[in-house]
């Protein structure tokens, strides 16, 4: 017996045949098209390589630009990138880099040594106010130009001997220079593009927007939808484009750990930036193939604004630092394989382990606070801990809030800001106590200790110490490894005594990653160049 089906019913069936079927997730589609979806914590402050304010911004910038060297994805050691090779003079003050003739910008222009010279002059421009400008003080006259002692950028120790030969003249020997050159602050820039949209030393101009940005990296900028995603597509002009397996990459600024985990679980992300504390034990036990706890060079700490009384008193800062039970935080709060520290720089960092300590000693902390005029916390002003929006940061702040209340008798509040606003507050010293973290940029203790120097744009505590600055400068100028390490030990001792910061823990990167993601490795710097990353279907190698 045949039934006649009404046209309206046929239309409904046809609609459900497509729309009512299970939708393909972003991960499933990405596996087909080699499109990688990455959770990346916060919105980039800009895609200008000279002014990134966080590691998550740096990760995005690394997709669109390439320096003379690049981090090895497994070891974090430097490998040739835009420069095919280099030589160093006998006195270690002159480095000559030979650029790849095939290297090009995304608009097809050749990459030249002059692009690096321009970039370094811009990075050191006082008007730009780059937080990482101090990294280029290794160049001859770099600091003098940045501080206005000289005004001619041509005097900076960077010159183009010919279109493919860059010569760097240093102020002092830097044996780890190739590692430093991996950092975004040393990336080249396309001058004509920058000047088309504003002054060459202007922050925040439109040159980094889609359709405008000209880079020399693995990807070109296709879209940037603020607070949604940044999308890059494979560059057709990159010198080694055949080694780039991904067709596109998406970076998602998901500040909430819980939201990011839900997004991952629903098939919208291949890789997360982190994992909620409440889910660590679950994934560790039930899904070890997805959970990746890996130690890396990161230090989580609280900053003290020393311009705000009574934080201008080292006894008060030291009391606050000593009253923090870091073992308890790692064991009961963060619970992610972190290490409780008692100093600033992580241990075993290129042969350096600090001996100075900020002990966990509540009785000594109470005594110091009393000596500073606040016995039992009496008359101590109400202060607040500033955190960027993140549930893990809040839990840690609440634990420390309780430790200070019970142990020292003082009250502190907690307030959070979205990452961009929080970073602005840091630069403006618009806080009293603030959560912060520092991730090493290269494998040397100086990548941590240098940021506390008075001239560092990343200090952001108001703390200055002439002896500390002298020791940092002396460490830069000695090539003797043993002497450098001894100077660094004295720096750590000053930090432990003065406590402009309070160490909380050394990082372990706890994140989620699907097995389909290949070529992505845990490493000490937690930087992941995307050149060798690809997506493999189930069963593929």
Protein backbone atom coordinates (compact mmCIF):
# COMPACT_ATOMS: atom_id res chain seq x y z
CA UNK A 1 0.00 0.00 0.00
CA UNK A 2 1.34 3.38 -0.98
CA UNK A 3 0.91 6.56 0.98
CA UNK A 4 0.94 10.00 -0.46
CA UNK A 5 3.21 12.40 1.50
CA UNK A 6 2.24 16.02 1.62
CA UNK A 7 4.79 18.51 0.16
CA UNK A 8 5.06 20.25 3.54
CA UNK A 9 6.11 16.98 5.18
CA UNK A 10 8.70 16.36 2.47
CA UNK A 11 10.13 19.82 3.09
CA UNK A 12 10.34 19.14 6.83
CA UNK A 13 12.07 15.80 6.25
CA UNK A 14 14.55 17.38 3.89
CA UNK A 15 15.33 20.09 6.43
CA UNK A 16 15.88 17.61 9.24
CA UNK A 17 18.02 15.45 7.01
CA UNK A 18 20.64 18.22 7.02
CA UNK A 19 20.02 20.42 10.01
CA UNK A 20 18.89 17.72 12.44
CA UNK A 21 21.94 15.53 11.89
CA UNK A 22 24.89 15.74 14.28
CA UNK A 23 26.94 18.81 13.52
CA UNK A 24 30.63 18.48 12.81
CA UNK A 25 32.69 20.01 15.62
CA UNK A 26 35.48 22.50 15.03
CA UNK A 27 37.99 19.80 15.97
CA UNK A 28 36.51 17.30 13.52
CA UNK A 29 36.48 19.85 10.74
CA UNK A 30 39.96 21.02 11.69
CA UNK A 31 41.30 17.47 11.50
CA UNK A 32 40.11 17.32 7.90
CA UNK A 33 41.43 20.71 6.88
CA UNK A 34 44.57 20.98 9.07
CA UNK A 35 43.01 23.84 11.05
CA UNK A 36 44.34 24.01 14.62
CA UNK A 37 42.17 25.46 17.39
CA UNK A 38 44.09 26.74 20.44
CA UNK A 39 42.85 28.12 23.75
CA UNK A 40 45.07 31.12 24.49
CA UNK A 41 43.95 32.63 27.82
CA UNK A 42 43.49 36.34 27.05
CA UNK A 43 42.93 38.79 24.25
CA UNK A 44 46.23 39.95 22.69
CA UNK A 45 47.02 43.53 23.62
CA UNK A 46 48.36 43.98 20.07
CA UNK A 47 50.10 41.98 17.35
CA UNK A 48 53.04 44.37 17.34
CA UNK A 49 56.12 42.23 18.21
CA UNK A 50 57.57 45.11 20.20
CA UNK A 51 54.82 45.51 22.78
CA UNK A 52 53.41 42.11 23.82
CA UNK A 53 52.24 42.18 27.42
CA UNK A 54 51.92 38.44 28.06
CA UNK A 55 52.98 35.02 26.91
CA UNK A 56 49.64 34.43 25.24
CA UNK A 57 50.14 37.57 23.13
CA UNK A 58 53.65 36.40 22.27
CA UNK A 59 52.30 33.03 21.13
CA UNK A 60 50.05 34.76 18.59
CA UNK A 61 52.80 37.11 17.39
CA UNK A 62 55.10 34.10 16.83
CA UNK A 63 52.64 32.79 14.23
CA UNK A 64 53.02 35.88 12.04
CA UNK A 65 56.68 36.84 12.44
CA UNK A 66 60.04 35.08 12.55
CA UNK A 67 63.32 36.25 14.04
CA UNK A 68 66.89 35.42 13.19
CA UNK A 69 66.57 32.31 15.35
CA UNK A 70 63.68 30.25 16.67
CA UNK A 71 63.10 28.03 19.70
CA UNK A 72 63.59 24.32 19.12
CA UNK A 73 60.15 22.86 19.90
CA UNK A 74 61.62 20.14 22.14
CA UNK A 75 64.62 21.72 23.85
CA UNK A 76 63.93 25.49 23.65
CA UNK A 77 67.48 25.89 22.35
CA UNK A 78 67.95 28.33 19.43
CA UNK A 79 67.91 27.02 15.86
CA UNK A 80 68.43 28.95 12.61
CA UNK A 81 65.32 30.69 11.30
CA UNK A 82 65.40 33.86 9.16
CA UNK A 83 69.18 33.63 9.51
CA UNK A 84 70.69 30.52 7.94
CA UNK A 85 73.96 30.84 9.86
CA UNK A 86 76.10 33.24 11.89
CA UNK A 87 79.63 33.88 13.15
CA UNK A 88 80.98 35.63 16.22
CA UNK A 89 84.29 37.49 16.56
CA UNK A 90 87.08 36.38 18.85
CA UNK A 91 86.19 39.05 21.45
CA UNK A 92 82.51 37.98 21.30
CA UNK A 93 81.41 41.54 20.56
CA UNK A 94 80.61 41.29 16.84
CA UNK A 95 78.03 38.86 15.50
CA UNK A 96 77.40 38.46 11.77
CA UNK A 97 74.13 36.90 10.62
CA UNK A 98 73.50 35.68 7.09
CA UNK A 99 69.86 35.92 6.06
CA UNK A 100 68.16 33.39 3.83
CA UNK A 101 67.93 34.82 0.29
CA UNK A 102 64.53 33.17 -0.13
CA UNK A 103 63.03 34.88 2.94
CA UNK A 104 60.17 37.25 2.08
CA UNK A 105 57.48 39.35 3.66
CA UNK A 106 53.86 38.29 3.25
CA UNK A 107 53.36 40.99 0.58
CA UNK A 108 56.19 39.48 -1.50
CA UNK A 109 58.90 42.01 -0.62
CA UNK A 110 62.32 40.48 0.14
CA UNK A 111 63.36 40.29 3.80
CA UNK A 112 66.56 42.29 4.22
CA UNK A 113 69.06 43.13 6.91
CA UNK A 114 67.73 46.71 6.86
CA UNK A 115 64.40 45.39 8.17
CA UNK A 116 66.15 44.16 11.31
CA UNK A 117 68.11 47.39 11.73
CA UNK A 118 64.89 49.42 11.50
CA UNK A 119 63.14 47.11 13.96
CA UNK A 120 65.91 47.42 16.55
CA UNK A 121 65.97 51.20 16.24
CA UNK A 122 62.21 51.27 16.73
CA UNK A 123 62.35 48.85 19.66
CA UNK A 124 64.79 51.15 21.43
CA UNK A 125 62.92 54.37 20.66
CA UNK A 126 62.03 56.18 23.91
CA UNK A 127 58.68 57.23 22.42
CA UNK A 128 57.62 53.63 21.84
CA UNK A 129 58.14 52.81 25.52
CA UNK A 130 58.64 49.09 24.87
CA UNK A 131 58.65 47.07 28.09
CA UNK A 132 61.26 44.71 26.66
CA UNK A 133 63.57 47.44 25.37
CA UNK A 134 66.16 46.44 27.97
CA UNK A 135 66.75 43.16 26.11
CA UNK A 136 68.38 45.21 23.34
CA UNK A 137 70.66 47.05 25.74
CA UNK A 138 73.12 44.33 24.77
CA UNK A 139 73.63 46.30 21.54
CA UNK A 140 76.25 49.00 21.53
CA UNK A 141 74.58 52.32 22.41
CA UNK A 142 71.24 50.57 22.81
CA UNK A 143 70.69 51.82 26.35
CA UNK A 144 72.08 55.26 25.55
CA UNK A 145 69.57 55.70 22.73
CA UNK A 146 66.65 54.35 24.76
CA UNK A 147 67.39 56.70 27.66
CA UNK A 148 67.93 59.75 25.44
CA UNK A 149 71.66 60.13 26.03
CA UNK A 150 72.14 59.95 22.28
CA UNK A 151 69.53 60.73 19.62
CA UNK A 152 71.01 59.29 16.43
CA UNK A 153 69.67 55.75 15.88
CA UNK A 154 72.46 55.08 13.41
CA UNK A 155 74.83 54.84 16.39
CA UNK A 156 73.08 51.71 17.66
CA UNK A 157 75.18 48.58 17.10
CA UNK A 158 73.13 47.14 14.23
CA UNK A 159 73.94 47.66 10.56
CA UNK A 160 73.24 46.07 7.21
CA UNK A 161 76.53 45.15 5.56
CA UNK A 162 74.50 44.15 2.48
CA UNK A 163 70.86 43.12 1.92
CA UNK A 164 71.44 39.66 3.38
CA UNK A 165 74.14 40.34 5.99
CA UNK A 166 73.30 41.80 9.40
CA UNK A 167 76.13 42.83 11.73
CA UNK A 168 75.43 43.32 15.42
CA UNK A 169 77.99 45.06 17.63
CA UNK A 170 77.47 44.41 21.33
CA UNK A 171 78.09 46.54 24.36
CA UNK A 172 79.36 43.48 26.24
CA UNK A 173 79.78 39.77 25.55
CA UNK A 174 76.50 37.84 25.47
CA UNK A 175 77.28 34.17 24.85
CA UNK A 176 73.57 33.30 24.89
CA UNK A 177 72.66 35.91 22.22
CA UNK A 178 71.19 33.37 19.73
CA UNK A 179 68.73 32.31 22.44
CA UNK A 180 67.71 35.91 23.12
CA UNK A 181 67.13 36.48 19.41
CA UNK A 182 64.23 34.02 19.49
CA UNK A 183 62.23 36.58 21.46
CA UNK A 184 59.65 38.75 19.71
CA UNK A 185 61.52 41.94 20.66
CA UNK A 186 64.19 40.98 18.11
CA UNK A 187 61.80 40.32 15.22
CA UNK A 188 62.11 42.31 11.97
CA UNK A 189 59.45 44.78 10.86
CA UNK A 190 58.22 45.99 7.46
CA UNK A 191 58.90 49.71 7.67
CA UNK A 192 56.69 50.87 4.81
CA UNK A 193 53.67 49.19 6.36
CA UNK A 194 54.20 50.74 9.78
CA UNK A 195 54.76 54.23 8.40
CA UNK A 196 51.69 53.94 6.19
CA UNK A 197 49.49 53.88 9.29
CA UNK A 198 51.26 56.30 11.61
CA UNK A 199 54.59 57.26 13.14
CA UNK A 200 57.27 54.61 13.09
CA UNK A 201 57.46 54.65 16.92
CA UNK A 202 53.71 54.84 17.57
CA UNK A 203 51.90 52.25 19.71
CA UNK A 204 48.49 50.93 18.77
CA UNK A 205 48.23 52.08 15.16
CA UNK A 206 46.21 50.16 12.56
CA UNK A 207 49.17 48.41 10.93
CA UNK A 208 48.55 45.23 12.93
CA UNK A 209 44.95 44.83 11.73
CA UNK A 210 43.74 42.25 9.19
CA UNK A 211 44.43 43.43 5.68
CA UNK A 212 47.21 45.70 6.94
CA UNK A 213 49.69 43.48 8.79
CA UNK A 214 52.74 42.40 6.79
CA UNK A 215 54.75 39.67 8.52
CA UNK A 216 57.44 37.14 7.63
CA UNK A 217 56.13 34.16 9.63
CA UNK A 218 54.42 30.85 8.99
CA UNK A 219 50.96 32.44 8.79
CA UNK A 220 49.34 35.62 7.55
CA UNK A 221 46.64 37.41 9.52
CA UNK A 222 43.22 36.64 8.07
CA UNK A 223 40.87 37.70 10.88
CA UNK A 224 40.98 39.29 14.31
CA UNK A 225 37.62 39.43 16.00
CA UNK A 226 38.26 40.99 19.42
CA UNK A 227 37.39 38.71 22.33
CA UNK A 228 36.46 35.93 19.88
CA UNK A 229 39.50 34.71 17.98
CA UNK A 230 42.55 35.52 15.88
CA UNK A 231 42.83 33.47 12.67
CA UNK A 232 45.96 32.95 10.63
CA UNK A 233 46.24 31.17 7.29
CA UNK A 234 49.35 29.50 5.90
CA UNK A 235 51.70 31.99 4.29
CA UNK A 236 52.45 31.46 0.63
CA UNK A 237 55.62 33.56 0.81
CA UNK A 238 57.31 31.97 3.84
CA UNK A 239 60.74 30.68 2.82
CA UNK A 240 60.13 27.17 4.22
CA UNK A 241 56.39 26.95 3.56
CA UNK A 242 56.53 23.25 2.62
CA UNK A 243 57.49 22.50 6.23
CA UNK A 244 54.31 24.24 7.47
CA UNK A 245 51.66 21.51 7.56
CA UNK A 246 48.75 23.46 9.06
CA UNK A 247 46.48 25.35 6.70
CA UNK A 248 45.24 27.72 9.38
CA UNK A 249 45.32 28.37 13.12
CA UNK A 250 42.74 29.87 15.47
CA UNK A 251 43.67 31.46 18.81
CA UNK A 252 40.77 31.86 21.27
CA UNK A 253 41.06 34.31 24.21
CA UNK A 254 39.21 32.26 26.83
CA UNK A 255 40.05 33.68 30.26
CA UNK A 256 37.81 31.34 32.24
CA UNK A 257 39.45 27.98 32.90
CA UNK A 258 36.06 26.32 33.31
CA UNK A 259 34.79 27.77 30.04
CA UNK A 260 37.93 26.67 28.24
CA UNK A 261 37.62 23.12 29.57
CA UNK A 262 33.96 22.96 28.49
CA UNK A 263 34.95 24.26 25.07
CA UNK A 264 37.61 21.55 24.81
CA UNK A 265 35.21 18.86 25.97
CA UNK A 266 32.62 19.90 23.39
CA UNK A 267 35.10 19.43 20.54
CA UNK A 268 35.91 23.09 19.87
CA UNK A 269 39.60 23.10 20.88
CA UNK A 270 42.59 20.91 20.11
CA UNK A 271 44.74 22.44 22.86
CA UNK A 272 43.92 24.41 26.00
CA UNK A 273 46.11 26.90 27.76
CA UNK A 274 45.31 25.54 31.20
CA UNK A 275 42.86 23.38 33.14
CA UNK A 276 40.57 24.13 36.10
CA UNK A 277 42.07 23.08 39.42
CA UNK A 278 38.91 21.09 40.16
CA UNK A 279 39.41 18.96 37.04
CA UNK A 280 43.13 18.13 37.41
CA UNK A 281 42.64 14.95 39.45
CA UNK A 282 39.87 13.75 37.13
CA UNK A 283 41.89 14.10 33.95
CA UNK A 284 45.06 12.83 35.62
CA UNK A 285 43.30 9.61 36.60
CA UNK A 286 40.70 9.05 33.89
CA UNK A 287 42.16 10.73 30.80
CA UNK A 288 45.97 10.74 31.06
CA UNK A 289 46.17 10.76 27.25
CA UNK A 290 44.69 14.28 27.30
CA UNK A 291 46.35 15.73 30.42
CA UNK A 292 49.87 17.13 30.07
CA UNK A 293 51.53 18.40 33.28
CA UNK A 294 54.99 19.66 32.35
CA UNK A 295 57.45 21.75 34.34
CA UNK A 296 58.61 24.91 32.64
CA UNK A 297 60.46 28.11 33.44
CA UNK A 298 57.75 30.09 35.12
CA UNK A 299 57.54 31.85 38.47
CA UNK A 300 54.19 32.79 40.04
CA UNK A 301 54.47 35.59 42.58
CA UNK A 302 52.84 38.64 44.14
CA UNK A 303 54.14 42.09 43.39
CA UNK A 304 54.25 44.81 46.03
CA UNK A 305 53.92 48.42 44.92
CA UNK A 306 56.66 49.93 47.06
CA UNK A 307 55.30 53.44 46.50
CA UNK A 308 52.24 52.61 48.62
CA UNK A 309 52.77 52.84 52.41
CA UNK A 310 53.39 50.69 54.37
CA UNK A 311 54.67 48.55 51.47
CA UNK A 312 57.54 51.03 51.21
CA UNK A 313 58.93 49.30 54.31
CA UNK A 314 60.92 46.15 53.48
CA UNK A 315 59.99 44.67 56.87
CA UNK A 316 56.32 44.77 55.94
CA UNK A 317 56.92 43.22 52.52
CA UNK A 318 59.10 40.51 54.00
CA UNK A 319 56.52 39.77 56.71
CA UNK A 320 53.79 39.34 54.10
CA UNK A 321 56.01 37.06 52.01
CA UNK A 322 57.10 34.93 54.99
CA UNK A 323 53.51 34.45 56.18
CA UNK A 324 52.49 32.71 52.95
CA UNK A 325 52.39 28.93 53.34
CA UNK A 326 53.51 27.99 49.85
CA UNK A 327 53.53 24.26 50.58
CA UNK A 328 49.86 24.47 51.51
CA UNK A 329 48.99 26.41 48.36
CA UNK A 330 50.66 23.87 46.08
CA UNK A 331 49.22 20.91 47.99
CA UNK A 332 45.67 22.10 48.64
CA UNK A 333 44.90 24.94 46.23
CA UNK A 334 46.77 24.86 42.91
CA UNK A 335 47.26 21.06 43.00
CA UNK A 336 48.95 20.95 39.61
CA UNK A 337 52.43 19.50 40.19
CA UNK A 338 53.89 22.97 40.91
CA UNK A 339 56.95 23.45 43.11
CA UNK A 340 56.83 25.70 46.20
CA UNK A 341 59.69 28.21 45.87
CA UNK A 342 61.58 30.34 48.34
CA UNK A 343 63.25 32.59 45.77
CA UNK A 344 62.54 34.18 42.38
CA UNK A 345 64.33 32.26 39.61
CA UNK A 346 63.56 28.56 39.06
CA UNK A 347 66.21 25.99 40.07
CA UNK A 348 68.74 24.39 37.72
CA UNK A 349 68.46 27.24 35.22
CA UNK A 350 71.48 26.88 32.94
CA UNK A 351 73.57 25.84 35.94
CA UNK A 352 72.13 28.36 38.40
CA UNK A 353 70.18 27.54 41.57
CA UNK A 354 69.69 30.32 44.08
CA UNK A 355 70.80 29.73 47.67
CA UNK A 356 69.03 32.75 49.20
CA UNK A 357 65.65 32.02 50.74
CA UNK A 358 62.43 33.73 51.76
CA UNK A 359 61.49 31.25 54.50
CA UNK A 360 57.99 30.25 55.51
CA UNK A 361 58.16 31.47 59.10
CA UNK A 362 55.02 32.90 60.65
CA UNK A 363 56.63 33.78 63.99
CA UNK A 364 59.38 35.76 62.27
CA UNK A 365 56.77 37.44 60.05
CA UNK A 366 54.75 38.53 63.10
CA UNK A 367 57.88 39.97 64.71
CA UNK A 368 58.80 41.94 61.58
CA UNK A 369 55.30 43.36 61.29
CA UNK A 370 55.41 44.46 64.94
CA UNK A 371 58.81 46.11 64.41
CA UNK A 372 57.32 48.01 61.50
CA UNK A 373 54.63 49.43 63.80
CA UNK A 374 51.75 47.00 63.26
CA UNK A 375 51.74 44.53 66.18
CA UNK A 376 49.12 41.87 65.61
CA UNK A 377 48.07 43.75 62.48
CA UNK A 378 46.90 46.76 64.51
CA UNK A 379 46.47 49.95 62.43
CA UNK A 380 47.46 48.14 59.24
CA UNK A 381 45.59 49.84 56.38
CA UNK A 382 43.05 47.91 54.32
CA UNK A 383 44.58 46.80 51.03
CA UNK A 384 43.51 44.76 48.04
CA UNK A 385 45.05 42.02 45.95
CA UNK A 386 44.64 42.68 42.23
CA UNK A 387 44.23 39.59 40.03
CA UNK A 388 43.36 39.11 36.40
CA UNK A 389 40.11 37.24 35.83
CA UNK A 390 40.79 33.58 36.45
CA UNK A 391 39.31 31.15 38.97
CA UNK A 392 42.71 29.71 39.90
CA UNK A 393 44.11 33.16 40.70
CA UNK A 394 41.06 33.86 42.86
CA UNK A 395 41.43 30.63 44.84
CA UNK A 396 45.09 31.39 45.55
CA UNK A 397 44.26 34.98 46.54
CA UNK A 398 41.56 33.75 48.90
CA UNK A 399 44.01 31.31 50.52
CA UNK A 400 46.61 34.06 51.03
CA UNK A 401 43.90 36.44 52.26
CA UNK A 402 43.04 33.87 54.94
CA UNK A 403 46.72 33.27 55.84
CA UNK A 404 47.34 36.97 56.37
CA UNK A 405 44.11 37.37 58.34
CA UNK A 406 44.78 34.47 60.71
CA UNK A 407 48.56 34.75 60.91
CA UNK A 408 49.16 38.49 60.86
CA UNK A 409 45.81 39.97 61.81
CA UNK A 410 45.49 42.07 58.66
CA UNK A 411 42.62 42.34 56.21
CA UNK A 412 43.06 42.45 52.44
CA UNK A 413 40.39 42.49 49.78
CA UNK A 414 40.48 40.92 46.34
CA UNK A 415 39.46 42.48 43.06
CA UNK A 416 39.85 41.26 39.52
CA UNK A 417 40.26 42.93 36.16
CA UNK A 418 40.09 41.65 32.60
CA UNK A 419 43.61 40.88 31.35
CA UNK A 420 44.09 44.00 29.23
CA UNK A 421 42.97 46.32 32.03
CA UNK A 422 45.01 44.37 34.57
CA UNK A 423 48.16 44.74 32.43
CA UNK A 424 47.52 48.47 32.11
CA UNK A 425 47.18 48.73 35.88
CA UNK A 426 50.54 47.00 36.26
CA UNK A 427 52.31 49.44 33.97
CA UNK A 428 50.71 52.44 35.69
CA UNK A 429 51.49 51.06 39.19
CA UNK A 430 47.77 51.39 39.87
CA UNK A 431 47.66 48.70 42.54
CA UNK A 432 48.93 47.84 46.02
CA UNK A 433 49.46 44.07 45.83
CA UNK A 434 49.04 42.16 42.60
CA UNK A 435 49.28 38.66 41.25
CA UNK A 436 51.86 38.28 38.49
CA UNK A 437 53.89 35.61 36.75
CA UNK A 438 57.07 35.63 34.75
CA UNK A 439 57.86 33.06 32.08
CA UNK A 440 61.48 32.82 31.00
CA UNK A 441 62.28 34.10 27.52
CA UNK A 442 65.52 32.15 27.13
CA UNK A 443 67.62 29.61 29.01
CA UNK A 444 69.66 31.81 31.34
CA UNK A 445 69.07 33.16 34.86
CA UNK A 446 69.25 36.70 33.50
CA UNK A 447 65.83 36.23 31.89
CA UNK A 448 64.39 36.36 35.42
CA UNK A 449 66.78 38.54 37.36
CA UNK A 450 67.07 41.28 34.74
CA UNK A 451 63.40 42.22 35.06
CA UNK A 452 63.88 43.51 38.60
CA UNK A 453 66.50 46.05 37.54
CA UNK A 454 65.49 49.70 37.81
CA UNK A 455 65.58 50.25 34.04
CA UNK A 456 63.43 47.23 33.21
CA UNK A 457 59.98 47.98 31.81
CA UNK A 458 58.85 44.70 33.36
CA UNK A 459 59.77 45.61 36.93
CA UNK A 460 56.48 47.43 37.58
CA UNK A 461 56.85 47.49 41.37
CA UNK A 462 58.49 50.89 41.86
CA UNK A 463 61.38 49.10 43.61
CA UNK A 464 64.89 50.30 42.89
CA UNK A 465 68.14 49.14 44.40
CA UNK A 466 71.47 50.60 43.26
CA UNK A 467 73.49 47.58 44.37
CA UNK A 468 71.15 45.21 42.57
CA UNK A 469 71.49 47.28 39.38
CA UNK A 470 75.27 47.25 39.73
CA UNK A 471 75.33 43.47 40.09
CA UNK A 472 73.09 42.96 37.06
CA UNK A 473 75.29 45.24 35.00
CA UNK A 474 78.43 43.44 36.19
CA UNK A 475 76.91 40.07 35.28
CA UNK A 476 76.28 41.37 31.76
CA UNK A 477 79.89 42.40 31.38
CA UNK A 478 81.64 39.26 32.52
CA UNK A 479 82.21 36.24 30.33
CA UNK A 480 83.37 34.13 33.28
CA UNK A 481 80.50 31.66 34.00
CA UNK A 482 81.44 31.16 37.64
CA UNK A 483 81.66 34.88 38.27
CA UNK A 484 78.28 35.46 36.60
CA UNK A 485 76.64 32.85 38.81
CA UNK A 486 78.17 34.40 41.92
CA UNK A 487 76.77 37.80 40.95
CA UNK A 488 73.35 36.25 40.39
CA UNK A 489 73.49 34.69 43.86
CA UNK A 490 73.97 38.13 45.36
CA UNK A 491 71.03 39.45 43.32
CA UNK A 492 68.79 36.73 44.71
CA UNK A 493 70.00 37.56 48.22
CA UNK A 494 68.94 41.20 47.78
CA UNK A 495 65.53 40.14 46.48
CA UNK A 496 65.09 37.81 49.45
CA UNK A 497 66.00 40.61 51.88
CA UNK A 498 64.03 43.43 50.21
CA UNK A 499 61.04 41.35 49.01
CA UNK A 500 59.63 43.60 46.28
CA UNK A 501 57.90 40.37 45.29
CA UNK A 502 56.61 37.36 47.23
CA UNK A 503 57.25 33.99 45.53
CA UNK A 504 54.26 31.64 45.43
CA UNK A 505 55.27 28.69 43.20
CA UNK A 506 57.27 27.56 40.21
CA UNK A 507 55.04 26.62 37.35
CA UNK A 508 53.98 23.37 35.90
CA UNK A 509 52.05 23.84 32.68
CA UNK A 510 48.85 21.86 33.13
CA UNK A 511 46.84 21.76 29.95
CA UNK A 512 44.76 19.51 27.75
CA UNK A 513 45.84 18.38 24.30
CA UNK A 514 44.23 15.92 21.94
CA UNK A 515 46.38 13.00 20.73
CA UNK A 516 45.65 14.06 17.15
CA UNK A 517 48.00 17.05 17.64
CA UNK A 518 51.50 16.08 16.51
CA UNK A 519 54.74 18.06 16.69
CA UNK A 520 53.70 19.87 19.89
CA UNK A 521 56.03 19.13 22.79
CA UNK A 522 56.36 20.14 26.41
CA UNK A 523 59.45 22.30 26.86
CA UNK A 524 61.05 24.50 29.49
CA UNK A 525 59.92 27.80 27.97
CA UNK A 526 56.42 26.65 27.02
CA UNK A 527 56.80 28.16 23.55
CA UNK A 528 55.45 26.07 20.71
CA UNK A 529 56.52 27.10 17.20
CA UNK A 530 53.75 25.95 14.86
CA UNK A 531 55.99 25.21 11.92
CA UNK A 532 56.20 21.48 12.64
CA UNK A 533 52.75 21.03 14.16
CA UNK A 534 50.10 19.06 12.29
CA UNK A 535 46.89 17.12 12.87
CA UNK A 536 46.89 13.36 12.32
CA UNK A 537 43.69 11.27 12.02
CA UNK A 538 43.28 8.32 14.37
CA UNK A 539 45.96 5.75 13.70
CA UNK A 540 48.19 8.07 11.68
CA UNK A 541 51.75 8.83 12.74
